[in-house]
Amino acid sequence: MDPISNVDAIVLLLRQRLMERSRALGAARADAVRSGRETMVRQDPLHALAAVGGLDDLQLGRALVESVMIEHFGARMVNEPQFQQVVDQVSETLKGEPQAAKLLQRLLGELRISPR
């Protein structure tokens, strides 16, 4: 069995978090629609980015990866060049893994259409 590198571990963590967010986002949207409060759902920075015209899936996907990593590792690292390099590496790794890329695309689509 191959050892798991730091990037692999982060990709596994992100995959888990992406699935959790995907489920939570779908549930929040369904609850908001059912209760008629669709426009009252709190806007977070990712929703704000998703609403920006001209932002492509690569940029939004990278922002999502960065957001999940900040949740896990803390905001104090966000301006570190090494942190940004890891965000880039993880984003590229997710794009290269078919199941993770499909999950990421689904989540980005839900972000773009979900209530803000």
N, C-alpha and C. Protein backbone atom coordinates (compact mmCIF):
# COMPACT_ATOMS: atom_id res chain seq x y z
N MET A 1 0.84 -1.18 0.00
CA MET A 1 0.00 0.00 0.00
C MET A 1 0.89 1.24 0.00
N ASP A 2 0.55 2.23 -0.84
CA ASP A 2 1.32 3.46 -0.92
C ASP A 2 1.04 4.35 0.28
N PRO A 3 2.08 5.04 0.76
CA PRO A 3 1.83 5.98 1.85
C PRO A 3 0.98 7.15 1.36
N ILE A 4 0.22 7.73 2.26
CA ILE A 4 -0.63 8.86 1.91
C ILE A 4 0.14 10.15 2.15
N SER A 5 0.27 10.96 1.09
CA SER A 5 0.97 12.24 1.22
C SER A 5 0.05 13.26 1.86
N ASN A 6 0.63 14.41 2.22
CA ASN A 6 -0.18 15.48 2.81
C ASN A 6 -1.27 15.94 1.85
N VAL A 7 -0.94 16.07 0.57
CA VAL A 7 -1.93 16.50 -0.42
C VAL A 7 -3.04 15.47 -0.54
N ASP A 8 -2.68 14.18 -0.54
CA ASP A 8 -3.70 13.12 -0.60
C ASP A 8 -4.62 13.19 0.60
N ALA A 9 -4.05 13.42 1.77
CA ALA A 9 -4.87 13.52 2.98
C ALA A 9 -5.81 14.71 2.90
N ILE A 10 -5.33 15.83 2.37
CA ILE A 10 -6.17 17.01 2.23
C ILE A 10 -7.26 16.76 1.21
N VAL A 11 -6.93 16.08 0.12
CA VAL A 11 -7.93 15.76 -0.89
C VAL A 11 -9.03 14.87 -0.29
N LEU A 12 -8.63 13.89 0.50
CA LEU A 12 -9.63 13.04 1.16
C LEU A 12 -10.52 13.84 2.09
N LEU A 13 -9.91 14.73 2.86
CA LEU A 13 -10.67 15.58 3.76
C LEU A 13 -11.62 16.48 2.96
N LEU A 14 -11.12 17.06 1.89
CA LEU A 14 -11.96 17.94 1.07
C LEU A 14 -13.09 17.18 0.42
N ARG A 15 -12.83 15.99 -0.03
CA ARG A 15 -13.88 15.18 -0.64
C ARG A 15 -15.00 14.96 0.38
N GLN A 16 -14.62 14.63 1.61
CA GLN A 16 -15.61 14.42 2.66
C GLN A 16 -16.38 15.72 2.93
N ARG A 17 -15.66 16.83 3.05
CA ARG A 17 -16.32 18.11 3.32
C ARG A 17 -17.21 18.55 2.16
N LEU A 18 -16.76 18.29 0.93
CA LEU A 18 -17.58 18.65 -0.24
C LEU A 18 -18.89 17.87 -0.23
N MET A 19 -18.82 16.59 0.11
CA MET A 19 -20.05 15.79 0.18
C MET A 19 -20.95 16.31 1.30
N GLU A 20 -20.37 16.66 2.44
CA GLU A 20 -21.16 17.20 3.55
C GLU A 20 -21.82 18.52 3.15
N ARG A 21 -21.05 19.39 2.51
CA ARG A 21 -21.60 20.68 2.07
C ARG A 21 -22.68 20.50 1.02
N SER A 22 -22.45 19.56 0.12
CA SER A 22 -23.43 19.32 -0.93
C SER A 22 -24.75 18.89 -0.31
N ARG A 23 -24.70 17.99 0.65
CA ARG A 23 -25.92 17.54 1.33
C ARG A 23 -26.56 18.69 2.10
N ALA A 24 -25.75 19.45 2.82
CA ALA A 24 -26.27 20.55 3.62
C ALA A 24 -26.87 21.64 2.74
N LEU A 25 -26.22 21.94 1.64
CA LEU A 25 -26.71 22.97 0.73
C LEU A 25 -28.04 22.56 0.13
N GLY A 26 -28.15 21.31 -0.27
CA GLY A 26 -29.40 20.81 -0.83
C GLY A 26 -30.51 20.83 0.22
N ALA A 27 -30.19 20.45 1.44
CA ALA A 27 -31.19 20.45 2.51
C ALA A 27 -31.62 21.87 2.85
N ALA A 28 -30.68 22.81 2.91
CA ALA A 28 -31.02 24.20 3.23
C ALA A 28 -31.90 24.80 2.14
N ARG A 29 -31.59 24.48 0.90
CA ARG A 29 -32.40 25.00 -0.22
C ARG A 29 -33.81 24.42 -0.14
N ALA A 30 -33.92 23.14 0.09
CA ALA A 30 -35.24 22.50 0.18
C ALA A 30 -36.04 23.08 1.34
N ASP A 31 -35.40 23.28 2.50
CA ASP A 31 -36.10 23.86 3.65
C ASP A 31 -36.57 25.28 3.36
N ALA A 32 -35.71 26.06 2.71
CA ALA A 32 -36.07 27.45 2.40
C ALA A 32 -37.23 27.52 1.41
N VAL A 33 -37.22 26.64 0.42
CA VAL A 33 -38.30 26.63 -0.56
C VAL A 33 -39.60 26.20 0.10
N ARG A 34 -39.55 25.16 0.93
CA ARG A 34 -40.75 24.66 1.61
C ARG A 34 -41.36 25.70 2.53
N SER A 35 -40.51 26.46 3.21
CA SER A 35 -41.03 27.42 4.19
C SER A 35 -41.30 28.79 3.59
N GLY A 36 -40.97 28.98 2.32
CA GLY A 36 -41.21 30.27 1.68
C GLY A 36 -40.21 31.33 2.07
N ARG A 37 -39.11 30.93 2.69
CA ARG A 37 -38.08 31.88 3.12
C ARG A 37 -36.88 31.86 2.20
N GLU A 38 -37.06 31.49 0.99
CA GLU A 38 -35.94 31.29 0.08
C GLU A 38 -35.01 32.50 0.03
N THR A 39 -35.54 33.70 0.11
CA THR A 39 -34.69 34.88 0.00
C THR A 39 -34.05 35.28 1.33
N MET A 40 -34.43 34.57 2.42
CA MET A 40 -33.91 34.96 3.72
C MET A 40 -32.74 34.10 4.18
N VAL A 41 -32.25 33.20 3.34
CA VAL A 41 -31.11 32.37 3.72
C VAL A 41 -29.86 33.24 3.76
N ARG A 42 -29.08 33.09 4.79
CA ARG A 42 -27.88 33.90 5.00
C ARG A 42 -26.90 33.76 3.84
N GLN A 43 -26.36 34.89 3.40
CA GLN A 43 -25.39 34.87 2.31
C GLN A 43 -23.99 34.72 2.90
N ASP A 44 -23.25 33.75 2.42
CA ASP A 44 -21.88 33.58 2.85
C ASP A 44 -20.97 34.02 1.72
N PRO A 45 -19.67 34.13 1.98
CA PRO A 45 -18.76 34.62 0.94
C PRO A 45 -18.77 33.76 -0.34
N LEU A 46 -18.95 32.45 -0.21
CA LEU A 46 -18.98 31.61 -1.40
C LEU A 46 -20.22 31.90 -2.25
N HIS A 47 -21.35 32.14 -1.61
CA HIS A 47 -22.55 32.50 -2.36
C HIS A 47 -22.35 33.85 -3.06
N ALA A 48 -21.69 34.76 -2.36
CA ALA A 48 -21.42 36.07 -2.97
C ALA A 48 -20.53 35.91 -4.19
N LEU A 49 -19.50 35.08 -4.08
CA LEU A 49 -18.62 34.83 -5.23
C LEU A 49 -19.38 34.15 -6.36
N ALA A 50 -20.24 33.21 -6.01
CA ALA A 50 -20.99 32.49 -7.03
C ALA A 50 -21.91 33.43 -7.79
N ALA A 51 -22.35 34.50 -7.13
CA ALA A 51 -23.25 35.45 -7.77
C ALA A 51 -22.53 36.43 -8.69
N VAL A 52 -21.21 36.49 -8.57
CA VAL A 52 -20.44 37.42 -9.40
C VAL A 52 -20.42 36.92 -10.83
N GLY A 53 -20.83 37.77 -11.74
CA GLY A 53 -20.81 37.40 -13.15
C GLY A 53 -19.38 37.30 -13.66
N GLY A 54 -19.14 36.37 -14.54
CA GLY A 54 -17.82 36.23 -15.15
C GLY A 54 -16.84 35.38 -14.36
N LEU A 55 -17.23 34.92 -13.20
CA LEU A 55 -16.35 34.06 -12.40
C LEU A 55 -16.53 32.63 -12.88
N ASP A 56 -15.46 32.04 -13.38
CA ASP A 56 -15.59 30.69 -13.92
C ASP A 56 -15.51 29.62 -12.83
N ASP A 57 -15.80 28.38 -13.23
CA ASP A 57 -15.82 27.28 -12.27
C ASP A 57 -14.45 27.02 -11.65
N LEU A 58 -13.38 27.27 -12.38
CA LEU A 58 -12.04 27.06 -11.82
C LEU A 58 -11.80 28.01 -10.65
N GLN A 59 -12.18 29.28 -10.83
CA GLN A 59 -11.97 30.27 -9.78
C GLN A 59 -12.88 30.00 -8.58
N LEU A 60 -14.13 29.69 -8.86
CA LEU A 60 -15.07 29.40 -7.77
C LEU A 60 -14.68 28.11 -7.06
N GLY A 61 -14.24 27.11 -7.81
CA GLY A 61 -13.80 25.85 -7.21
C GLY A 61 -12.60 26.05 -6.31
N ARG A 62 -11.67 26.89 -6.76
CA ARG A 62 -10.49 27.18 -5.94
C ARG A 62 -10.91 27.90 -4.66
N ALA A 63 -11.85 28.83 -4.78
CA ALA A 63 -12.34 29.54 -3.59
C ALA A 63 -13.01 28.58 -2.62
N LEU A 64 -13.73 27.61 -3.15
CA LEU A 64 -14.37 26.61 -2.30
C LEU A 64 -13.33 25.77 -1.58
N VAL A 65 -12.33 25.33 -2.31
CA VAL A 65 -11.25 24.54 -1.69
C VAL A 65 -10.57 25.37 -0.59
N GLU A 66 -10.28 26.61 -0.91
CA GLU A 66 -9.64 27.48 0.08
C GLU A 66 -10.52 27.65 1.31
N SER A 67 -11.81 27.82 1.10
CA SER A 67 -12.76 27.98 2.20
C SER A 67 -12.77 26.76 3.11
N VAL A 68 -12.81 25.58 2.52
CA VAL A 68 -12.82 24.35 3.31
C VAL A 68 -11.51 24.21 4.08
N MET A 69 -10.40 24.54 3.42
CA MET A 69 -9.11 24.44 4.10
C MET A 69 -8.99 25.45 5.24
N ILE A 70 -9.54 26.64 5.04
CA ILE A 70 -9.52 27.64 6.11
C ILE A 70 -10.35 27.16 7.29
N GLU A 71 -11.50 26.55 7.01
CA GLU A 71 -12.32 25.98 8.09
C GLU A 71 -11.53 24.97 8.90
N HIS A 72 -10.74 24.16 8.20
CA HIS A 72 -10.02 23.08 8.88
C HIS A 72 -8.73 23.57 9.55
N PHE A 73 -7.97 24.41 8.85
CA PHE A 73 -6.64 24.80 9.35
C PHE A 73 -6.61 26.17 10.02
N GLY A 74 -7.65 26.97 9.86
CA GLY A 74 -7.69 28.30 10.46
C GLY A 74 -7.31 29.39 9.49
N ALA A 75 -7.82 30.57 9.72
CA ALA A 75 -7.64 31.70 8.81
C ALA A 75 -6.25 32.32 8.90
N ARG A 76 -5.52 32.04 9.93
CA ARG A 76 -4.21 32.68 10.10
C ARG A 76 -3.23 32.30 8.99
N MET A 77 -3.49 31.19 8.31
CA MET A 77 -2.56 30.71 7.28
C MET A 77 -2.90 31.21 5.88
N VAL A 78 -4.03 31.85 5.71
CA VAL A 78 -4.55 32.15 4.38
C VAL A 78 -3.57 32.98 3.53
N ASN A 79 -2.78 33.84 4.13
CA ASN A 79 -1.87 34.69 3.37
C ASN A 79 -0.48 34.09 3.18
N GLU A 80 -0.28 32.90 3.69
CA GLU A 80 1.02 32.24 3.53
C GLU A 80 1.15 31.67 2.13
N PRO A 81 2.27 31.91 1.45
CA PRO A 81 2.45 31.38 0.10
C PRO A 81 2.33 29.86 0.03
N GLN A 82 2.83 29.16 1.05
CA GLN A 82 2.76 27.71 1.07
C GLN A 82 1.31 27.23 1.14
N PHE A 83 0.49 27.94 1.89
CA PHE A 83 -0.93 27.60 2.00
C PHE A 83 -1.59 27.75 0.63
N GLN A 84 -1.30 28.83 -0.05
CA GLN A 84 -1.88 29.06 -1.37
C GLN A 84 -1.39 28.02 -2.39
N GLN A 85 -0.15 27.59 -2.25
CA GLN A 85 0.36 26.53 -3.12
C GLN A 85 -0.40 25.22 -2.87
N VAL A 86 -0.66 24.91 -1.63
CA VAL A 86 -1.41 23.70 -1.30
C VAL A 86 -2.83 23.80 -1.84
N VAL A 87 -3.45 24.98 -1.72
CA VAL A 87 -4.78 25.18 -2.29
C VAL A 87 -4.75 24.90 -3.79
N ASP A 88 -3.75 25.42 -4.47
CA ASP A 88 -3.60 25.16 -5.91
C ASP A 88 -3.43 23.67 -6.21
N GLN A 89 -2.57 23.01 -5.44
CA GLN A 89 -2.31 21.59 -5.67
C GLN A 89 -3.56 20.75 -5.42
N VAL A 90 -4.26 21.06 -4.36
CA VAL A 90 -5.48 20.30 -4.03
C VAL A 90 -6.54 20.54 -5.09
N SER A 91 -6.68 21.79 -5.54
CA SER A 91 -7.65 22.11 -6.59
C SER A 91 -7.34 21.32 -7.87
N GLU A 92 -6.08 21.27 -8.23
CA GLU A 92 -5.67 20.51 -9.42
C GLU A 92 -5.91 19.01 -9.24
N THR A 93 -5.61 18.51 -8.04
CA THR A 93 -5.82 17.09 -7.77
C THR A 93 -7.29 16.73 -7.85
N LEU A 94 -8.15 17.59 -7.30
CA LEU A 94 -9.59 17.34 -7.37
C LEU A 94 -10.08 17.34 -8.81
N LYS A 95 -9.57 18.24 -9.62
CA LYS A 95 -9.96 18.28 -11.03
C LYS A 95 -9.54 17.01 -11.75
N GLY A 96 -8.41 16.43 -11.34
CA GLY A 96 -7.88 15.26 -12.01
C GLY A 96 -8.50 13.94 -11.58
N GLU A 97 -9.27 13.96 -10.52
CA GLU A 97 -9.91 12.74 -10.02
C GLU A 97 -11.39 12.79 -10.42
N PRO A 98 -11.81 11.89 -11.32
CA PRO A 98 -13.15 11.99 -11.91
C PRO A 98 -14.30 12.11 -10.90
N GLN A 99 -14.31 11.30 -9.88
CA GLN A 99 -15.42 11.36 -8.92
C GLN A 99 -15.41 12.67 -8.14
N ALA A 100 -14.23 13.10 -7.73
CA ALA A 100 -14.12 14.36 -6.99
C ALA A 100 -14.48 15.54 -7.89
N ALA A 101 -14.06 15.50 -9.14
CA ALA A 101 -14.37 16.58 -10.08
C ALA A 101 -15.88 16.66 -10.31
N LYS A 102 -16.53 15.52 -10.42
CA LYS A 102 -17.98 15.49 -10.62
C LYS A 102 -18.69 16.06 -9.40
N LEU A 103 -18.26 15.67 -8.21
CA LEU A 103 -18.84 16.18 -6.98
C LEU A 103 -18.62 17.69 -6.88
N LEU A 104 -17.43 18.15 -7.20
CA LEU A 104 -17.13 19.58 -7.16
C LEU A 104 -18.01 20.35 -8.13
N GLN A 105 -18.17 19.84 -9.35
CA GLN A 105 -19.02 20.50 -10.34
C GLN A 105 -20.47 20.57 -9.84
N ARG A 106 -20.96 19.50 -9.25
CA ARG A 106 -22.32 19.50 -8.73
C ARG A 106 -22.48 20.54 -7.63
N LEU A 107 -21.51 20.60 -6.74
CA LEU A 107 -21.57 21.55 -5.66
C LEU A 107 -21.49 22.99 -6.17
N LEU A 108 -20.66 23.24 -7.16
CA LEU A 108 -20.56 24.58 -7.73
C LEU A 108 -21.87 24.97 -8.39
N GLY A 109 -22.50 24.02 -9.07
CA GLY A 109 -23.79 24.30 -9.67
C GLY A 109 -24.84 24.64 -8.62
N GLU A 110 -24.83 23.91 -7.52
CA GLU A 110 -25.77 24.18 -6.43
C GLU A 110 -25.49 25.55 -5.79
N LEU A 111 -24.22 25.89 -5.67
CA LEU A 111 -23.86 27.20 -5.13
C LEU A 111 -24.40 28.32 -6.01
N ARG A 112 -24.29 28.13 -7.31
CA ARG A 112 -24.73 29.18 -8.24
C ARG A 112 -26.24 29.35 -8.23
N ILE A 113 -27.01 28.27 -7.98
CA ILE A 113 -28.46 28.40 -8.04
C ILE A 113 -29.13 28.45 -6.67
N SER A 114 -28.35 28.25 -5.61
CA SER A 114 -28.94 28.20 -4.27
C SER A 114 -29.35 29.59 -3.81
N PRO A 115 -30.22 29.63 -2.83
CA PRO A 115 -30.64 30.93 -2.29
C PRO A 115 -29.47 31.66 -1.68
N ARG A 116 -29.51 32.95 -1.77
CA ARG A 116 -28.44 33.77 -1.23
C ARG A 116 -28.92 34.45 -0.01
